[in-house]
Amino acid sequence: MAFTRSSEPFQEPPEHRSRWLLATGIAALLVFFVPLLVIIAMGQNSTPAQATSTTQPRAAVFPQPRLMPPLPPPGAPWPPPPGAPVPPVCTLEYRVDPGGATSWTGLITLGGTLATSASVPAKGSRPDTRQVPVGVEAIALPAALARDHGLRAVLTTGSGSFDCLVGPQS
């Protein structure tokens, strides 16, 4: 066997790099950060204390059920006592009776015109509009709307329009 001389120095093959660190980083990203972003995004869409404009309904962005604040019973004293949490401008909650009938209760912090419409409006359907006072009141909706637990509601007042929180009674 003969050895020959070369003008280039000897090079060892590159060291094999483990992909374990890369796989661990991707797994940590998927397990911790993606759910955290989803929770933060959902939390921003269900903050009841902030009134929202009706330019883009939040239900179209995140159609998940919202966490509804507990409402006082209809006819409860209004306004709430000092130091109590500030309620949203408009909240509609439904309760399904054992017989299948749906009853609605509204908490309105600014009086105005409440317009309710089906979650998927049919051609030619119009929203049901009514004047609502400030306070906690039972709201009688037409039968077709009362059964629609995903209905959309907008409260129009002298200071603007606000999407109502709509969900099951807590």
N, C-alpha and C. Protein backbone atom coordinates (compact mmCIF):
# COMPACT_ATOMS: atom_id res chain seq x y z
N MET A 1 0.83 -1.13 0.00
CA MET A 1 0.00 0.00 0.00
C MET A 1 0.90 1.23 0.00
N ALA A 2 0.51 2.15 -0.83
CA ALA A 2 1.35 3.33 -0.94
C ALA A 2 0.56 4.55 -0.52
N PHE A 3 1.23 5.43 0.20
CA PHE A 3 0.62 6.71 0.61
C PHE A 3 1.09 7.79 -0.33
N THR A 4 0.16 8.63 -0.68
CA THR A 4 0.54 9.75 -1.55
C THR A 4 0.36 11.04 -0.79
N ARG A 5 1.13 12.00 -1.17
CA ARG A 5 1.00 13.31 -0.54
C ARG A 5 0.02 14.15 -1.35
N SER A 6 -0.73 14.97 -0.58
CA SER A 6 -1.69 15.86 -1.22
C SER A 6 -1.41 17.27 -0.73
N SER A 7 -1.71 18.24 -1.56
CA SER A 7 -1.46 19.62 -1.16
C SER A 7 -2.58 20.12 -0.23
N GLU A 8 -3.72 19.44 -0.16
CA GLU A 8 -4.82 19.86 0.70
C GLU A 8 -4.74 19.12 2.03
N PRO A 9 -5.09 19.84 3.14
CA PRO A 9 -5.07 19.17 4.44
C PRO A 9 -6.21 18.17 4.55
N PHE A 10 -6.04 17.23 5.43
CA PHE A 10 -7.06 16.22 5.66
C PHE A 10 -8.26 16.84 6.36
N GLN A 11 -9.48 16.57 5.88
CA GLN A 11 -10.69 17.07 6.51
C GLN A 11 -11.52 15.91 6.99
N GLU A 12 -11.94 16.03 8.27
CA GLU A 12 -12.82 15.00 8.81
C GLU A 12 -14.24 15.27 8.35
N PRO A 13 -15.06 14.26 8.28
CA PRO A 13 -16.45 14.48 7.88
C PRO A 13 -17.15 15.36 8.93
N PRO A 14 -18.14 16.14 8.52
CA PRO A 14 -18.83 17.02 9.48
C PRO A 14 -19.49 16.20 10.59
N GLU A 15 -19.54 16.80 11.78
CA GLU A 15 -20.12 16.12 12.94
C GLU A 15 -21.63 16.01 12.75
N HIS A 16 -22.18 14.87 13.11
CA HIS A 16 -23.61 14.64 12.99
C HIS A 16 -24.33 15.43 14.09
N ARG A 17 -25.22 16.33 13.67
CA ARG A 17 -25.96 17.14 14.64
C ARG A 17 -27.29 16.47 14.95
N SER A 18 -27.56 16.37 16.20
CA SER A 18 -28.82 15.76 16.64
C SER A 18 -29.97 16.73 16.37
N ARG A 19 -31.06 16.22 15.93
CA ARG A 19 -32.23 17.05 15.70
C ARG A 19 -33.14 17.04 16.92
N TRP A 20 -32.69 16.50 18.00
CA TRP A 20 -33.46 16.43 19.23
C TRP A 20 -33.82 17.83 19.74
N LEU A 21 -32.87 18.75 19.70
CA LEU A 21 -33.11 20.10 20.18
C LEU A 21 -34.17 20.79 19.32
N LEU A 22 -34.12 20.63 18.01
CA LEU A 22 -35.12 21.21 17.13
C LEU A 22 -36.50 20.61 17.39
N ALA A 23 -36.57 19.30 17.55
CA ALA A 23 -37.85 18.64 17.82
C ALA A 23 -38.43 19.08 19.16
N THR A 24 -37.58 19.25 20.15
CA THR A 24 -38.04 19.71 21.46
C THR A 24 -38.58 21.13 21.38
N GLY A 25 -37.91 22.00 20.64
CA GLY A 25 -38.37 23.37 20.48
C GLY A 25 -39.72 23.45 19.79
N ILE A 26 -39.91 22.67 18.75
CA ILE A 26 -41.18 22.67 18.03
C ILE A 26 -42.29 22.12 18.91
N ALA A 27 -42.00 21.05 19.66
CA ALA A 27 -42.99 20.48 20.57
C ALA A 27 -43.39 21.48 21.65
N ALA A 28 -42.42 22.20 22.21
CA ALA A 28 -42.73 23.21 23.23
C ALA A 28 -43.59 24.32 22.63
N LEU A 29 -43.30 24.72 21.41
CA LEU A 29 -44.09 25.75 20.75
C LEU A 29 -45.53 25.30 20.59
N LEU A 30 -45.73 24.09 20.11
CA LEU A 30 -47.07 23.58 19.88
C LEU A 30 -47.83 23.33 21.18
N VAL A 31 -47.15 22.85 22.20
CA VAL A 31 -47.82 22.50 23.45
C VAL A 31 -48.13 23.73 24.31
N PHE A 32 -47.24 24.71 24.35
CA PHE A 32 -47.41 25.82 25.27
C PHE A 32 -47.87 27.11 24.61
N PHE A 33 -47.25 27.52 23.54
CA PHE A 33 -47.49 28.84 23.01
C PHE A 33 -48.74 28.93 22.14
N VAL A 34 -49.03 27.95 21.32
CA VAL A 34 -50.21 28.00 20.47
C VAL A 34 -51.49 28.01 21.33
N PRO A 35 -51.65 27.11 22.31
CA PRO A 35 -52.85 27.21 23.17
C PRO A 35 -52.91 28.52 23.94
N LEU A 36 -51.78 29.05 24.35
CA LEU A 36 -51.76 30.32 25.06
C LEU A 36 -52.30 31.44 24.16
N LEU A 37 -51.90 31.45 22.90
CA LEU A 37 -52.41 32.45 21.96
C LEU A 37 -53.91 32.31 21.76
N VAL A 38 -54.40 31.06 21.70
CA VAL A 38 -55.83 30.83 21.52
C VAL A 38 -56.60 31.32 22.75
N ILE A 39 -56.09 31.04 23.93
CA ILE A 39 -56.75 31.48 25.17
C ILE A 39 -56.77 33.00 25.25
N ILE A 40 -55.68 33.62 24.91
CA ILE A 40 -55.63 35.09 24.93
C ILE A 40 -56.62 35.67 23.93
N ALA A 41 -56.67 35.11 22.73
CA ALA A 41 -57.60 35.62 21.72
C ALA A 41 -59.05 35.44 22.15
N MET A 42 -59.39 34.31 22.75
CA MET A 42 -60.75 34.08 23.22
C MET A 42 -61.07 35.01 24.38
N GLY A 43 -60.11 35.25 25.24
CA GLY A 43 -60.33 36.13 26.38
C GLY A 43 -60.60 37.55 25.94
N GLN A 44 -59.96 37.99 24.88
CA GLN A 44 -60.19 39.35 24.38
C GLN A 44 -61.56 39.47 23.76
N ASN A 45 -62.11 38.38 23.25
CA ASN A 45 -63.42 38.43 22.62
C ASN A 45 -64.55 38.23 23.59
N SER A 46 -64.28 37.88 24.82
CA SER A 46 -65.37 37.65 25.76
C SER A 46 -65.28 38.56 26.96
N THR A 47 -64.59 39.68 26.85
CA THR A 47 -64.56 40.61 27.96
C THR A 47 -65.87 41.37 27.99
N PRO A 48 -66.71 41.12 29.01
CA PRO A 48 -68.03 41.73 29.02
C PRO A 48 -68.02 43.20 29.37
N ALA A 49 -66.96 43.73 29.97
CA ALA A 49 -66.97 45.11 30.43
C ALA A 49 -66.74 46.10 29.30
N GLN A 50 -66.28 45.64 28.15
CA GLN A 50 -65.99 46.57 27.06
C GLN A 50 -67.10 46.50 26.03
N ALA A 51 -67.60 47.64 25.65
CA ALA A 51 -68.60 47.71 24.59
C ALA A 51 -67.89 47.67 23.26
N THR A 52 -68.54 47.04 22.28
CA THR A 52 -67.89 46.92 20.98
C THR A 52 -68.75 47.56 19.91
N SER A 53 -68.13 48.01 18.89
CA SER A 53 -68.83 48.59 17.76
C SER A 53 -69.40 47.46 16.92
N THR A 54 -70.41 47.76 16.13
CA THR A 54 -71.04 46.72 15.32
C THR A 54 -70.42 46.62 13.94
N THR A 55 -69.27 47.24 13.71
CA THR A 55 -68.68 47.17 12.39
C THR A 55 -68.27 45.75 12.04
N GLN A 56 -67.80 44.98 13.01
CA GLN A 56 -67.46 43.58 12.78
C GLN A 56 -67.94 42.77 13.97
N PRO A 57 -68.98 41.94 13.79
CA PRO A 57 -69.50 41.19 14.91
C PRO A 57 -68.47 40.18 15.40
N ARG A 58 -68.34 40.10 16.70
CA ARG A 58 -67.36 39.18 17.28
C ARG A 58 -67.75 37.72 17.06
N ALA A 59 -69.02 37.43 16.95
CA ALA A 59 -69.44 36.06 16.75
C ALA A 59 -68.89 35.50 15.44
N ALA A 60 -68.66 36.35 14.45
CA ALA A 60 -68.12 35.88 13.19
C ALA A 60 -66.65 35.52 13.33
N VAL A 61 -65.98 36.09 14.31
CA VAL A 61 -64.56 35.82 14.49
C VAL A 61 -64.34 34.56 15.31
N PHE A 62 -65.02 34.45 16.47
CA PHE A 62 -64.90 33.29 17.34
C PHE A 62 -66.30 32.81 17.71
N PRO A 63 -66.84 31.81 16.99
CA PRO A 63 -68.21 31.40 17.25
C PRO A 63 -68.36 30.52 18.49
N GLN A 64 -67.35 30.37 19.34
CA GLN A 64 -67.48 29.55 20.53
C GLN A 64 -68.45 30.20 21.51
N PRO A 65 -69.08 29.38 22.39
CA PRO A 65 -69.96 29.95 23.40
C PRO A 65 -69.19 30.90 24.31
N ARG A 66 -69.84 31.98 24.70
CA ARG A 66 -69.18 32.96 25.55
C ARG A 66 -69.48 32.69 27.02
N LEU A 67 -68.57 33.14 27.87
CA LEU A 67 -68.81 33.06 29.30
C LEU A 67 -69.72 34.22 29.67
N MET A 68 -70.87 33.91 30.19
CA MET A 68 -71.85 34.93 30.48
C MET A 68 -71.78 35.32 31.96
N PRO A 69 -71.81 36.61 32.24
CA PRO A 69 -71.84 37.02 33.63
C PRO A 69 -73.21 36.69 34.23
N PRO A 70 -73.27 36.33 35.51
CA PRO A 70 -74.59 36.05 36.09
C PRO A 70 -75.41 37.34 36.16
N LEU A 71 -76.67 37.23 35.79
CA LEU A 71 -77.56 38.38 35.81
C LEU A 71 -78.38 38.37 37.09
N PRO A 72 -78.69 39.55 37.60
CA PRO A 72 -79.65 39.60 38.70
C PRO A 72 -81.02 39.21 38.17
N PRO A 73 -81.95 38.84 39.02
CA PRO A 73 -83.28 38.44 38.55
C PRO A 73 -84.03 39.63 37.95
N PRO A 74 -85.01 39.38 37.07
CA PRO A 74 -85.79 40.48 36.50
C PRO A 74 -86.41 41.33 37.61
N GLY A 75 -86.37 42.64 37.43
CA GLY A 75 -86.92 43.56 38.41
C GLY A 75 -85.98 43.89 39.56
N ALA A 76 -84.74 43.41 39.49
CA ALA A 76 -83.77 43.70 40.55
C ALA A 76 -83.48 45.19 40.59
N PRO A 77 -83.08 45.74 41.76
CA PRO A 77 -82.81 47.17 41.83
C PRO A 77 -81.71 47.58 40.85
N TRP A 78 -81.92 48.75 40.29
CA TRP A 78 -80.96 49.26 39.31
C TRP A 78 -80.70 50.72 39.60
N PRO A 79 -79.52 51.23 39.50
CA PRO A 79 -78.24 50.62 39.13
C PRO A 79 -77.68 49.79 40.28
N PRO A 80 -76.66 48.96 39.98
CA PRO A 80 -76.05 48.16 41.03
C PRO A 80 -75.37 49.06 42.06
N PRO A 81 -75.16 48.54 43.26
CA PRO A 81 -74.55 49.36 44.31
C PRO A 81 -73.13 49.77 43.96
N PRO A 82 -72.64 50.87 44.55
CA PRO A 82 -71.26 51.30 44.29
C PRO A 82 -70.27 50.20 44.66
N GLY A 83 -69.24 50.06 43.83
CA GLY A 83 -68.22 49.04 44.06
C GLY A 83 -68.52 47.72 43.39
N ALA A 84 -69.75 47.54 42.88
CA ALA A 84 -70.10 46.30 42.18
C ALA A 84 -69.43 46.31 40.81
N PRO A 85 -69.20 45.13 40.22
CA PRO A 85 -68.59 45.09 38.89
C PRO A 85 -69.44 45.84 37.87
N VAL A 86 -68.77 46.47 36.90
CA VAL A 86 -69.46 47.21 35.84
C VAL A 86 -69.97 46.20 34.82
N PRO A 87 -71.29 46.15 34.61
CA PRO A 87 -71.82 45.18 33.65
C PRO A 87 -71.61 45.67 32.22
N PRO A 88 -71.73 44.76 31.24
CA PRO A 88 -71.64 45.17 29.84
C PRO A 88 -72.85 46.03 29.47
N VAL A 89 -72.77 46.70 28.35
CA VAL A 89 -73.85 47.59 27.91
C VAL A 89 -75.12 46.79 27.66
N CYS A 90 -74.99 45.62 27.07
CA CYS A 90 -76.16 44.82 26.70
C CYS A 90 -75.82 43.34 26.83
N THR A 91 -76.61 42.62 27.60
CA THR A 91 -76.43 41.17 27.75
C THR A 91 -77.78 40.51 27.62
N LEU A 92 -77.88 39.48 26.78
CA LEU A 92 -79.10 38.67 26.66
C LEU A 92 -78.76 37.24 27.03
N GLU A 93 -79.49 36.72 27.98
CA GLU A 93 -79.28 35.33 28.39
C GLU A 93 -80.58 34.56 28.19
N TYR A 94 -80.42 33.27 27.81
CA TYR A 94 -81.60 32.44 27.62
C TYR A 94 -81.56 31.27 28.59
N ARG A 95 -82.75 30.77 28.87
CA ARG A 95 -82.91 29.59 29.71
C ARG A 95 -83.93 28.70 29.02
N VAL A 96 -83.59 27.42 28.85
CA VAL A 96 -84.50 26.49 28.21
C VAL A 96 -85.24 25.73 29.31
N ASP A 97 -86.56 25.83 29.28
CA ASP A 97 -87.40 25.15 30.27
C ASP A 97 -87.45 23.66 29.96
N PRO A 98 -87.82 22.82 30.96
CA PRO A 98 -87.90 21.38 30.71
C PRO A 98 -88.84 21.03 29.55
N GLY A 99 -89.86 21.86 29.31
CA GLY A 99 -90.79 21.60 28.21
C GLY A 99 -90.24 22.00 26.86
N GLY A 100 -89.06 22.63 26.82
CA GLY A 100 -88.45 23.02 25.56
C GLY A 100 -88.62 24.49 25.21
N ALA A 101 -89.42 25.21 25.99
CA ALA A 101 -89.61 26.64 25.72
C ALA A 101 -88.36 27.41 26.16
N THR A 102 -88.04 28.47 25.45
CA THR A 102 -86.88 29.30 25.76
C THR A 102 -87.35 30.64 26.27
N SER A 103 -86.82 31.04 27.44
CA SER A 103 -87.13 32.38 27.96
C SER A 103 -85.85 33.20 27.96
N TRP A 104 -85.99 34.50 27.69
CA TRP A 104 -84.85 35.40 27.55
C TRP A 104 -84.92 36.49 28.62
N THR A 105 -83.75 36.83 29.16
CA THR A 105 -83.61 37.92 30.12
C THR A 105 -82.53 38.85 29.59
N GLY A 106 -82.79 40.15 29.68
CA GLY A 106 -81.81 41.12 29.20
C GLY A 106 -81.34 42.03 30.32
N LEU A 107 -80.06 42.33 30.34
CA LEU A 107 -79.47 43.33 31.23
C LEU A 107 -79.02 44.47 30.34
N ILE A 108 -79.67 45.59 30.46
CA ILE A 108 -79.41 46.74 29.61
C ILE A 108 -78.90 47.88 30.50
N THR A 109 -77.70 48.38 30.21
CA THR A 109 -77.14 49.47 31.02
C THR A 109 -77.37 50.84 30.38
N LEU A 110 -77.73 50.88 29.11
CA LEU A 110 -78.09 52.13 28.43
C LEU A 110 -79.39 51.86 27.67
N GLY A 111 -80.42 52.66 27.95
CA GLY A 111 -81.68 52.46 27.24
C GLY A 111 -81.54 52.79 25.77
N GLY A 112 -82.33 52.11 24.95
CA GLY A 112 -82.28 52.37 23.52
C GLY A 112 -83.12 51.40 22.74
N THR A 113 -82.75 51.17 21.50
CA THR A 113 -83.47 50.27 20.61
C THR A 113 -82.68 48.98 20.47
N LEU A 114 -83.32 47.86 20.80
CA LEU A 114 -82.70 46.54 20.69
C LEU A 114 -83.19 45.89 19.41
N ALA A 115 -82.25 45.51 18.55
CA ALA A 115 -82.58 44.81 17.30
C ALA A 115 -82.03 43.40 17.40
N THR A 116 -82.90 42.39 17.29
CA THR A 116 -82.46 41.00 17.33
C THR A 116 -82.73 40.37 15.98
N SER A 117 -81.79 39.55 15.52
CA SER A 117 -81.97 38.86 14.24
C SER A 117 -81.42 37.45 14.37
N ALA A 118 -81.86 36.58 13.47
CA ALA A 118 -81.44 35.19 13.49
C ALA A 118 -79.95 35.08 13.23
N SER A 119 -79.34 34.02 13.77
CA SER A 119 -77.90 33.81 13.57
C SER A 119 -77.58 33.60 12.09
N VAL A 120 -78.49 32.97 11.37
CA VAL A 120 -78.36 32.82 9.92
C VAL A 120 -79.64 33.39 9.31
N PRO A 121 -79.62 34.69 8.98
CA PRO A 121 -80.85 35.32 8.49
C PRO A 121 -81.33 34.69 7.18
N ALA A 122 -82.64 34.47 7.13
CA ALA A 122 -83.25 33.95 5.90
C ALA A 122 -83.50 35.13 4.96
N LYS A 123 -83.63 34.83 3.68
CA LYS A 123 -83.87 35.89 2.70
C LYS A 123 -85.19 36.58 3.03
N GLY A 124 -85.14 37.88 3.09
CA GLY A 124 -86.34 38.66 3.37
C GLY A 124 -86.67 38.80 4.85
N SER A 125 -85.90 38.18 5.72
CA SER A 125 -86.19 38.31 7.16
C SER A 125 -85.69 39.65 7.66
N ARG A 126 -86.41 40.21 8.62
CA ARG A 126 -86.05 41.50 9.19
C ARG A 126 -85.79 41.33 10.67
N PRO A 127 -84.92 42.15 11.22
CA PRO A 127 -84.69 42.05 12.66
C PRO A 127 -85.92 42.52 13.45
N ASP A 128 -86.09 41.93 14.61
CA ASP A 128 -87.15 42.35 15.53
C ASP A 128 -86.59 43.51 16.35
N THR A 129 -87.25 44.66 16.31
CA THR A 129 -86.75 45.83 17.05
C THR A 129 -87.77 46.22 18.12
N ARG A 130 -87.23 46.70 19.25
CA ARG A 130 -88.07 47.14 20.36
C ARG A 130 -87.29 48.11 21.22
N GLN A 131 -88.00 49.01 21.87
CA GLN A 131 -87.37 49.92 22.82
C GLN A 131 -87.17 49.16 24.13
N VAL A 132 -85.99 49.31 24.73
CA VAL A 132 -85.72 48.64 26.00
C VAL A 132 -85.25 49.68 27.02
N PRO A 133 -85.75 49.56 28.26
CA PRO A 133 -85.31 50.48 29.30
C PRO A 133 -84.04 49.97 29.97
N VAL A 134 -83.45 50.81 30.79
CA VAL A 134 -82.28 50.41 31.57
C VAL A 134 -82.75 49.47 32.66
N GLY A 135 -82.02 48.38 32.87
CA GLY A 135 -82.35 47.44 33.95
C GLY A 135 -82.35 46.01 33.49
N VAL A 136 -82.84 45.14 34.36
CA VAL A 136 -82.95 43.71 34.08
C VAL A 136 -84.41 43.42 33.79
N GLU A 137 -84.69 42.94 32.61
CA GLU A 137 -86.07 42.70 32.19
C GLU A 137 -86.18 41.39 31.43
N ALA A 138 -87.34 40.74 31.57
CA ALA A 138 -87.65 39.59 30.72
C ALA A 138 -87.94 40.13 29.32
N ILE A 139 -87.42 39.46 28.30
CA ILE A 139 -87.61 39.92 26.93
C ILE A 139 -88.38 38.85 26.17
N ALA A 140 -89.54 39.22 25.64
CA ALA A 140 -90.37 38.30 24.88
C ALA A 140 -90.01 38.46 23.41
N LEU A 141 -89.42 37.42 22.84
CA LEU A 141 -89.04 37.44 21.43
C LEU A 141 -90.03 36.63 20.62
N PRO A 142 -90.17 36.91 19.32
CA PRO A 142 -90.99 36.06 18.48
C PRO A 142 -90.50 34.61 18.55
N ALA A 143 -91.41 33.67 18.38
CA ALA A 143 -91.10 32.26 18.57
C ALA A 143 -89.88 31.80 17.77
N ALA A 144 -89.78 32.21 16.51
CA ALA A 144 -88.64 31.77 15.68
C ALA A 144 -87.32 32.28 16.24
N LEU A 145 -87.29 33.52 16.72
CA LEU A 145 -86.06 34.07 17.29
C LEU A 145 -85.77 33.48 18.67
N ALA A 146 -86.82 33.22 19.45
CA ALA A 146 -86.61 32.70 20.81
C ALA A 146 -85.91 31.35 20.79
N ARG A 147 -86.14 30.55 19.76
CA ARG A 147 -85.50 29.23 19.67
C ARG A 147 -84.06 29.30 19.17
N ASP A 148 -83.67 30.43 18.58
CA ASP A 148 -82.32 30.60 18.01
C ASP A 148 -81.37 31.04 19.11
N HIS A 149 -80.63 30.09 19.68
CA HIS A 149 -79.74 30.40 20.80
C HIS A 149 -78.46 31.11 20.36
N GLY A 150 -78.25 31.26 19.08
CA GLY A 150 -77.09 31.98 18.57
C GLY A 150 -77.48 33.31 17.95
N LEU A 151 -78.67 33.80 18.29
CA LEU A 151 -79.14 35.02 17.64
C LEU A 151 -78.19 36.18 17.87
N ARG A 152 -78.29 37.16 17.01
CA ARG A 152 -77.47 38.38 17.11
C ARG A 152 -78.35 39.49 17.63
N ALA A 153 -77.78 40.30 18.51
CA ALA A 153 -78.53 41.42 19.07
C ALA A 153 -77.63 42.64 19.09
N VAL A 154 -78.20 43.78 18.71
CA VAL A 154 -77.48 45.05 18.68
C VAL A 154 -78.33 46.08 19.41
N LEU A 155 -77.72 46.78 20.34
CA LEU A 155 -78.39 47.85 21.08
C LEU A 155 -77.92 49.18 20.51
N THR A 156 -78.86 49.99 20.05
CA THR A 156 -78.53 51.31 19.52
C THR A 156 -79.02 52.36 20.52
N THR A 157 -78.08 53.19 20.95
CA THR A 157 -78.40 54.24 21.93
C THR A 157 -77.99 55.58 21.33
N GLY A 158 -78.18 56.63 22.11
CA GLY A 158 -77.75 57.94 21.66
C GLY A 158 -76.24 58.05 21.54
N SER A 159 -75.50 57.17 22.21
CA SER A 159 -74.04 57.24 22.17
C SER A 159 -73.41 56.22 21.23
N GLY A 160 -74.20 55.46 20.47
CA GLY A 160 -73.63 54.52 19.50
C GLY A 160 -74.37 53.20 19.48
N SER A 161 -73.81 52.24 18.74
CA SER A 161 -74.36 50.89 18.63
C SER A 161 -73.41 49.91 19.29
N PHE A 162 -73.99 48.93 19.99
CA PHE A 162 -73.19 47.97 20.73
C PHE A 162 -73.70 46.56 20.48
N ASP A 163 -72.78 45.64 20.21
CA ASP A 163 -73.14 44.23 20.12
C ASP A 163 -73.50 43.74 21.51
N CYS A 164 -74.53 42.94 21.61
CA CYS A 164 -74.93 42.38 22.90
C CYS A 164 -74.25 41.02 23.09
N LEU A 165 -73.89 40.72 24.33
CA LEU A 165 -73.44 39.38 24.66
C LEU A 165 -74.68 38.50 24.69
N VAL A 166 -74.63 37.35 24.02
CA VAL A 166 -75.76 36.44 23.95
C VAL A 166 -75.27 35.06 24.36
N GLY A 167 -75.93 34.44 25.33
CA GLY A 167 -75.51 33.11 25.74
C GLY A 167 -76.46 32.50 26.75
N PRO A 168 -76.12 31.28 27.20
CA PRO A 168 -76.98 30.59 28.17
C PRO A 168 -76.87 31.23 29.55
N GLN A 169 -77.94 31.09 30.30
CA GLN A 169 -77.95 31.63 31.66
C GLN A 169 -76.97 30.84 32.51
N SER A 170 -76.15 31.55 33.28
CA SER A 170 -75.15 30.84 34.10
C SER A 170 -75.70 30.48 35.45
